[in-house]
Amino acid sequence: MTNIMPETGLAACNFLGAKYIANIGCAASHDEPRSINETVTCITVKDKKKRYEPAYTETCKLIEEQVINAVNDSDSKTYITVKEPCEIELVLETGYEFYFEDEIPIKCRQDKQKVVWYAPEIETGLEFLDYFRSRIKKL
């Protein structure tokens, strides 16, 4: 089974056992998939830092060509594996911090910049990702 996903985040973890062959998105979106899987092909459709924001007509052709190449090269791609139970870590960039007003409903370690939680299976762990994301504030 092979999948091509636009963007990443939660999506990458939902394709267990599938080859993660391509990430299609802005240049800023490529660090995360490369940290998950070094063999992923990253297809850049815009790069705000370089002021590269082409029209959809240009990016459609670019995506089509690079996806075909990625699929043809899919035998060299590796699989995403997640071992259960899971330990999941969310670390914030400078300028953001966690705030917790209530008791946290899952076993975890946390401070202002990082939270690490434990889950018996990936689905539960990902449900709590949304919970912890809702507890982020900009400084």
N, C-alpha and C. Protein backbone atom coordinates (compact mmCIF):
# COMPACT_ATOMS: atom_id res chain seq x y z
N MET A 1 0.85 -1.18 0.00
CA MET A 1 0.00 0.00 0.00
C MET A 1 0.89 1.23 0.00
N THR A 2 0.61 2.18 -0.84
CA THR A 2 1.38 3.42 -0.95
C THR A 2 0.43 4.60 -0.85
N ASN A 3 0.84 5.64 -0.12
CA ASN A 3 0.00 6.82 0.02
C ASN A 3 0.80 8.08 -0.26
N ILE A 4 0.13 9.05 -0.81
CA ILE A 4 0.68 10.39 -0.98
C ILE A 4 -0.22 11.30 -0.17
N MET A 5 0.37 12.06 0.74
CA MET A 5 -0.44 12.90 1.63
C MET A 5 -0.11 14.36 1.42
N PRO A 6 -1.11 15.22 1.29
CA PRO A 6 -0.85 16.65 1.32
C PRO A 6 -0.69 17.07 2.77
N GLU A 7 0.34 17.83 3.07
CA GLU A 7 0.67 18.25 4.42
C GLU A 7 0.99 17.04 5.29
N THR A 8 1.24 17.24 6.60
CA THR A 8 1.52 16.07 7.45
C THR A 8 0.83 16.20 8.77
N GLY A 9 1.62 16.23 9.85
CA GLY A 9 1.03 16.29 11.17
C GLY A 9 0.37 14.97 11.51
N LEU A 10 -0.90 15.02 11.89
CA LEU A 10 -1.63 13.81 12.27
C LEU A 10 -1.71 12.81 11.13
N ALA A 11 -1.79 13.29 9.91
CA ALA A 11 -1.98 12.39 8.77
C ALA A 11 -0.88 11.34 8.67
N ALA A 12 0.36 11.73 8.92
CA ALA A 12 1.46 10.78 8.77
C ALA A 12 1.29 9.57 9.67
N CYS A 13 0.83 9.79 10.86
CA CYS A 13 0.66 8.68 11.80
C CYS A 13 -0.54 7.80 11.47
N ASN A 14 -1.46 8.29 10.69
CA ASN A 14 -2.66 7.52 10.36
C ASN A 14 -2.43 6.50 9.27
N PHE A 15 -1.26 6.50 8.65
CA PHE A 15 -0.98 5.59 7.55
C PHE A 15 0.03 4.53 7.96
N LEU A 16 -0.17 3.94 9.11
CA LEU A 16 0.73 2.91 9.59
C LEU A 16 0.80 1.77 8.59
N GLY A 17 2.01 1.34 8.33
CA GLY A 17 2.19 0.25 7.39
C GLY A 17 2.17 0.68 5.94
N ALA A 18 2.00 1.95 5.68
CA ALA A 18 1.98 2.45 4.30
C ALA A 18 3.27 3.18 4.01
N LYS A 19 3.71 3.11 2.76
CA LYS A 19 4.88 3.88 2.38
C LYS A 19 4.48 5.35 2.31
N TYR A 20 5.22 6.17 3.00
CA TYR A 20 4.99 7.62 2.97
C TYR A 20 5.95 8.16 1.94
N ILE A 21 5.47 8.41 0.73
CA ILE A 21 6.39 8.71 -0.36
C ILE A 21 6.47 10.18 -0.73
N ALA A 22 5.43 10.99 -0.43
CA ALA A 22 5.48 12.37 -0.87
C ALA A 22 4.73 13.29 0.08
N ASN A 23 5.32 14.46 0.32
CA ASN A 23 4.68 15.54 1.06
C ASN A 23 4.53 16.70 0.09
N ILE A 24 3.31 17.13 -0.12
CA ILE A 24 3.04 18.23 -1.04
C ILE A 24 2.59 19.42 -0.20
N GLY A 25 3.30 20.53 -0.29
CA GLY A 25 2.93 21.70 0.49
C GLY A 25 3.94 22.81 0.36
N CYS A 26 3.82 23.78 1.24
CA CYS A 26 4.76 24.89 1.23
C CYS A 26 6.11 24.42 1.75
N ALA A 27 7.16 25.13 1.43
CA ALA A 27 8.51 24.75 1.83
C ALA A 27 8.60 24.57 3.35
N ALA A 28 7.88 25.40 4.09
CA ALA A 28 7.92 25.33 5.56
C ALA A 28 7.33 24.03 6.09
N SER A 29 6.54 23.33 5.28
CA SER A 29 5.89 22.10 5.75
C SER A 29 6.78 20.87 5.61
N HIS A 30 7.96 20.99 5.07
CA HIS A 30 8.78 19.82 4.77
C HIS A 30 9.64 19.32 5.91
N ASP A 31 9.93 20.12 6.90
CA ASP A 31 10.78 19.67 8.01
C ASP A 31 10.15 18.52 8.78
N GLU A 32 8.87 18.63 9.05
CA GLU A 32 8.19 17.59 9.84
C GLU A 32 8.20 16.24 9.14
N PRO A 33 7.79 16.14 7.86
CA PRO A 33 7.83 14.82 7.24
C PRO A 33 9.23 14.25 7.13
N ARG A 34 10.22 15.10 6.90
CA ARG A 34 11.60 14.60 6.83
C ARG A 34 12.07 14.08 8.18
N SER A 35 11.56 14.66 9.27
CA SER A 35 11.93 14.15 10.59
C SER A 35 11.25 12.82 10.88
N ILE A 36 10.10 12.57 10.23
CA ILE A 36 9.38 11.31 10.39
C ILE A 36 9.98 10.24 9.49
N ASN A 37 10.34 10.63 8.27
CA ASN A 37 10.79 9.66 7.27
C ASN A 37 11.74 10.36 6.30
N GLU A 38 13.02 10.01 6.37
CA GLU A 38 14.02 10.68 5.55
C GLU A 38 13.86 10.41 4.06
N THR A 39 13.12 9.37 3.68
CA THR A 39 13.00 9.03 2.26
C THR A 39 11.81 9.69 1.58
N VAL A 40 11.03 10.47 2.31
CA VAL A 40 9.87 11.12 1.70
C VAL A 40 10.31 12.15 0.66
N THR A 41 9.60 12.20 -0.46
CA THR A 41 9.83 13.21 -1.48
C THR A 41 9.02 14.45 -1.10
N CYS A 42 9.68 15.59 -1.01
CA CYS A 42 8.98 16.83 -0.65
C CYS A 42 8.78 17.67 -1.90
N ILE A 43 7.53 17.96 -2.19
CA ILE A 43 7.16 18.73 -3.37
C ILE A 43 6.69 20.11 -2.92
N THR A 44 7.47 21.12 -3.27
CA THR A 44 7.20 22.49 -2.82
C THR A 44 6.30 23.21 -3.81
N VAL A 45 5.15 23.67 -3.33
CA VAL A 45 4.23 24.41 -4.19
C VAL A 45 4.25 25.91 -3.91
N LYS A 46 4.90 26.30 -2.81
CA LYS A 46 5.13 27.72 -2.55
C LYS A 46 6.21 27.84 -1.48
N ASP A 47 6.87 28.98 -1.48
CA ASP A 47 7.92 29.27 -0.50
C ASP A 47 7.86 30.76 -0.20
N LYS A 48 7.19 31.11 0.90
CA LYS A 48 6.99 32.53 1.21
C LYS A 48 8.30 33.24 1.50
N LYS A 49 9.28 32.54 2.09
CA LYS A 49 10.57 33.18 2.37
C LYS A 49 11.27 33.62 1.09
N LYS A 50 11.10 32.84 0.04
CA LYS A 50 11.73 33.15 -1.25
C LYS A 50 10.77 33.89 -2.19
N ARG A 51 9.58 34.21 -1.67
CA ARG A 51 8.55 34.88 -2.45
C ARG A 51 8.17 34.09 -3.71
N TYR A 52 8.14 32.78 -3.56
CA TYR A 52 7.75 31.88 -4.64
C TYR A 52 6.34 31.41 -4.36
N GLU A 53 5.36 32.00 -5.06
CA GLU A 53 3.96 31.64 -4.89
C GLU A 53 3.32 31.56 -6.28
N PRO A 54 3.60 30.47 -7.00
CA PRO A 54 3.10 30.36 -8.37
C PRO A 54 1.60 30.12 -8.44
N ALA A 55 1.05 30.32 -9.60
CA ALA A 55 -0.37 30.06 -9.85
C ALA A 55 -0.63 28.57 -9.83
N TYR A 56 -1.88 28.18 -9.60
CA TYR A 56 -2.22 26.76 -9.53
C TYR A 56 -1.91 26.03 -10.83
N THR A 57 -1.98 26.73 -11.94
CA THR A 57 -1.70 26.08 -13.23
C THR A 57 -0.25 25.60 -13.28
N GLU A 58 0.65 26.35 -12.68
CA GLU A 58 2.06 25.96 -12.64
C GLU A 58 2.28 24.84 -11.63
N THR A 59 1.64 24.95 -10.47
CA THR A 59 1.87 23.94 -9.43
C THR A 59 1.23 22.60 -9.79
N CYS A 60 0.12 22.60 -10.52
CA CYS A 60 -0.51 21.33 -10.93
C CYS A 60 0.45 20.50 -11.76
N LYS A 61 1.12 21.12 -12.71
CA LYS A 61 2.08 20.40 -13.56
C LYS A 61 3.27 19.92 -12.72
N LEU A 62 3.76 20.77 -11.85
CA LEU A 62 4.87 20.42 -10.98
C LEU A 62 4.51 19.22 -10.09
N ILE A 63 3.34 19.28 -9.47
CA ILE A 63 2.89 18.18 -8.60
C ILE A 63 2.76 16.89 -9.40
N GLU A 64 2.12 16.97 -10.55
CA GLU A 64 1.92 15.77 -11.36
C GLU A 64 3.25 15.11 -11.70
N GLU A 65 4.20 15.89 -12.19
CA GLU A 65 5.51 15.33 -12.58
C GLU A 65 6.24 14.72 -11.38
N GLN A 66 6.27 15.45 -10.26
CA GLN A 66 7.03 14.97 -9.11
C GLN A 66 6.34 13.80 -8.40
N VAL A 67 5.02 13.76 -8.41
CA VAL A 67 4.32 12.63 -7.82
C VAL A 67 4.58 11.37 -8.65
N ILE A 68 4.54 11.49 -9.97
CA ILE A 68 4.84 10.34 -10.83
C ILE A 68 6.26 9.83 -10.53
N ASN A 69 7.22 10.73 -10.41
CA ASN A 69 8.59 10.33 -10.08
C ASN A 69 8.65 9.65 -8.71
N ALA A 70 7.93 10.21 -7.73
CA ALA A 70 7.94 9.64 -6.37
C ALA A 70 7.32 8.24 -6.37
N VAL A 71 6.23 8.07 -7.10
CA VAL A 71 5.58 6.75 -7.17
C VAL A 71 6.51 5.75 -7.86
N ASN A 72 7.12 6.17 -8.94
CA ASN A 72 8.05 5.28 -9.66
C ASN A 72 9.24 4.90 -8.78
N ASP A 73 9.61 5.77 -7.86
CA ASP A 73 10.74 5.53 -6.96
C ASP A 73 10.29 4.97 -5.61
N SER A 74 9.03 4.57 -5.50
CA SER A 74 8.47 4.18 -4.20
C SER A 74 9.12 2.94 -3.58
N ASP A 75 9.76 2.10 -4.37
CA ASP A 75 10.43 0.93 -3.80
C ASP A 75 11.58 1.33 -2.87
N SER A 76 12.11 2.53 -3.05
CA SER A 76 13.20 2.99 -2.20
C SER A 76 12.71 3.70 -0.93
N LYS A 77 11.40 3.85 -0.79
CA LYS A 77 10.83 4.54 0.36
C LYS A 77 10.67 3.57 1.53
N THR A 78 10.73 4.11 2.72
CA THR A 78 10.59 3.27 3.91
C THR A 78 9.20 3.43 4.51
N TYR A 79 8.87 2.51 5.41
CA TYR A 79 7.57 2.50 6.06
C TYR A 79 7.61 3.31 7.35
N ILE A 80 6.46 3.85 7.72
CA ILE A 80 6.29 4.50 9.01
C ILE A 80 5.87 3.42 9.99
N THR A 81 6.54 3.35 11.12
CA THR A 81 6.14 2.38 12.14
C THR A 81 5.98 3.09 13.48
N VAL A 82 4.97 2.73 14.20
CA VAL A 82 4.73 3.27 15.53
C VAL A 82 4.57 2.08 16.46
N LYS A 83 5.35 2.05 17.52
CA LYS A 83 5.25 0.95 18.48
C LYS A 83 4.31 1.36 19.60
N GLU A 84 3.47 0.43 19.99
CA GLU A 84 2.51 0.70 21.06
C GLU A 84 2.91 -0.09 22.29
N PRO A 85 2.71 0.40 23.51
CA PRO A 85 2.15 1.70 23.83
C PRO A 85 3.07 2.83 23.36
N CYS A 86 2.52 4.03 23.29
CA CYS A 86 3.22 5.17 22.71
C CYS A 86 3.63 6.20 23.76
N GLU A 87 4.77 6.81 23.51
CA GLU A 87 5.17 8.01 24.23
C GLU A 87 5.23 9.10 23.17
N ILE A 88 4.42 10.14 23.34
CA ILE A 88 4.32 11.20 22.35
C ILE A 88 4.79 12.51 22.97
N GLU A 89 5.60 13.25 22.22
CA GLU A 89 6.19 14.48 22.74
C GLU A 89 5.81 15.64 21.83
N LEU A 90 5.41 16.74 22.42
CA LEU A 90 5.08 17.95 21.68
C LEU A 90 5.91 19.08 22.28
N VAL A 91 6.81 19.65 21.48
CA VAL A 91 7.70 20.72 21.93
C VAL A 91 7.34 21.98 21.17
N LEU A 92 7.19 23.08 21.88
CA LEU A 92 6.77 24.34 21.26
C LEU A 92 7.95 25.19 20.81
N GLU A 93 7.71 25.97 19.79
CA GLU A 93 8.67 26.95 19.31
C GLU A 93 8.73 28.12 20.29
N THR A 94 9.78 28.89 20.21
CA THR A 94 9.90 30.11 21.01
C THR A 94 8.72 31.02 20.69
N GLY A 95 8.16 31.65 21.71
CA GLY A 95 7.03 32.55 21.52
C GLY A 95 5.70 31.92 21.85
N TYR A 96 5.70 30.63 22.21
CA TYR A 96 4.48 29.91 22.58
C TYR A 96 4.74 29.14 23.86
N GLU A 97 3.67 28.91 24.63
CA GLU A 97 3.79 28.07 25.81
C GLU A 97 2.45 27.39 26.10
N PHE A 98 2.54 26.33 26.89
CA PHE A 98 1.34 25.62 27.31
C PHE A 98 0.74 26.30 28.53
N TYR A 99 -0.56 26.27 28.64
CA TYR A 99 -1.22 26.69 29.86
C TYR A 99 -2.22 25.60 30.23
N PHE A 100 -2.22 25.24 31.50
CA PHE A 100 -3.12 24.20 32.00
C PHE A 100 -3.88 24.76 33.19
N GLU A 101 -5.18 24.94 33.02
CA GLU A 101 -6.02 25.44 34.11
C GLU A 101 -6.66 24.31 34.89
N ASP A 102 -6.91 23.18 34.22
CA ASP A 102 -7.58 22.05 34.84
C ASP A 102 -6.59 20.90 35.01
N GLU A 103 -7.04 19.88 35.72
CA GLU A 103 -6.24 18.67 35.84
C GLU A 103 -6.13 18.01 34.46
N ILE A 104 -4.95 17.56 34.10
CA ILE A 104 -4.73 16.94 32.80
C ILE A 104 -5.27 15.50 32.85
N PRO A 105 -6.12 15.12 31.86
CA PRO A 105 -6.81 13.83 31.94
C PRO A 105 -6.02 12.62 31.43
N ILE A 106 -4.70 12.72 31.36
CA ILE A 106 -3.88 11.59 30.90
C ILE A 106 -2.52 11.68 31.59
N LYS A 107 -1.88 10.54 31.78
CA LYS A 107 -0.55 10.51 32.39
C LYS A 107 0.43 11.24 31.47
N CYS A 108 1.12 12.25 32.04
CA CYS A 108 2.06 13.02 31.23
C CYS A 108 3.07 13.75 32.11
N ARG A 109 4.11 14.27 31.44
CA ARG A 109 5.06 15.20 32.05
C ARG A 109 4.95 16.48 31.26
N GLN A 110 4.90 17.61 31.93
CA GLN A 110 4.76 18.85 31.18
C GLN A 110 5.47 19.99 31.87
N ASP A 111 5.85 20.96 31.05
CA ASP A 111 6.31 22.26 31.53
C ASP A 111 5.77 23.28 30.53
N LYS A 112 6.27 24.49 30.56
CA LYS A 112 5.73 25.55 29.69
C LYS A 112 6.03 25.31 28.21
N GLN A 113 7.11 24.61 27.88
CA GLN A 113 7.53 24.44 26.49
C GLN A 113 7.33 23.03 25.93
N LYS A 114 7.11 22.04 26.80
CA LYS A 114 7.07 20.66 26.31
C LYS A 114 6.09 19.84 27.14
N VAL A 115 5.43 18.91 26.44
CA VAL A 115 4.58 17.94 27.12
C VAL A 115 4.86 16.57 26.50
N VAL A 116 4.96 15.56 27.35
CA VAL A 116 5.17 14.18 26.93
C VAL A 116 4.05 13.36 27.56
N TRP A 117 3.29 12.62 26.73
CA TRP A 117 2.22 11.82 27.29
C TRP A 117 2.31 10.38 26.79
N TYR A 118 1.63 9.51 27.51
CA TYR A 118 1.67 8.07 27.26
C TYR A 118 0.29 7.58 26.90
N ALA A 119 0.21 6.67 25.93
CA ALA A 119 -1.08 6.14 25.49
C ALA A 119 -0.90 4.66 25.14
N PRO A 120 -1.93 3.86 25.41
CA PRO A 120 -1.83 2.43 25.11
C PRO A 120 -1.80 2.13 23.61
N GLU A 121 -2.42 3.00 22.81
CA GLU A 121 -2.40 2.82 21.35
C GLU A 121 -2.36 4.20 20.69
N ILE A 122 -1.97 4.23 19.42
CA ILE A 122 -1.76 5.49 18.71
C ILE A 122 -3.03 6.32 18.61
N GLU A 123 -4.19 5.67 18.44
CA GLU A 123 -5.43 6.43 18.29
C GLU A 123 -5.71 7.28 19.52
N THR A 124 -5.53 6.71 20.71
CA THR A 124 -5.72 7.47 21.95
C THR A 124 -4.70 8.60 22.05
N GLY A 125 -3.46 8.28 21.71
CA GLY A 125 -2.42 9.30 21.75
C GLY A 125 -2.73 10.48 20.85
N LEU A 126 -3.25 10.22 19.67
CA LEU A 126 -3.58 11.30 18.74
C LEU A 126 -4.78 12.11 19.20
N GLU A 127 -5.72 11.46 19.87
CA GLU A 127 -6.85 12.21 20.42
C GLU A 127 -6.35 13.25 21.43
N PHE A 128 -5.34 12.88 22.21
CA PHE A 128 -4.82 13.83 23.18
C PHE A 128 -3.92 14.89 22.54
N LEU A 129 -3.43 14.64 21.34
CA LEU A 129 -2.69 15.68 20.63
C LEU A 129 -3.59 16.90 20.45
N ASP A 130 -4.84 16.70 20.06
CA ASP A 130 -5.77 17.83 19.93
C ASP A 130 -5.99 18.52 21.27
N TYR A 131 -6.09 17.74 22.34
CA TYR A 131 -6.26 18.34 23.68
C TYR A 131 -5.08 19.24 24.01
N PHE A 132 -3.85 18.74 23.82
CA PHE A 132 -2.67 19.55 24.15
C PHE A 132 -2.51 20.73 23.20
N ARG A 133 -2.87 20.57 21.95
CA ARG A 133 -2.81 21.70 21.02
C ARG A 133 -3.77 22.80 21.46
N SER A 134 -4.87 22.43 22.06
CA SER A 134 -5.83 23.46 22.53
C SER A 134 -5.32 24.18 23.76
N ARG A 135 -4.24 23.72 24.34
CA ARG A 135 -3.67 24.35 25.54
C ARG A 135 -2.41 25.15 25.24
N ILE A 136 -2.26 25.58 23.98
CA ILE A 136 -1.11 26.39 23.56
C ILE A 136 -1.56 27.84 23.48
N LYS A 137 -0.71 28.72 24.01
CA LYS A 137 -1.01 30.15 23.86
C LYS A 137 0.23 30.86 23.34
N LYS A 138 0.00 31.92 22.59
CA LYS A 138 1.07 32.75 22.06
C LYS A 138 1.45 33.76 23.13
N LEU A 139 2.74 33.94 23.32
CA LEU A 139 3.21 34.90 24.32
C LEU A 139 3.13 36.33 23.83
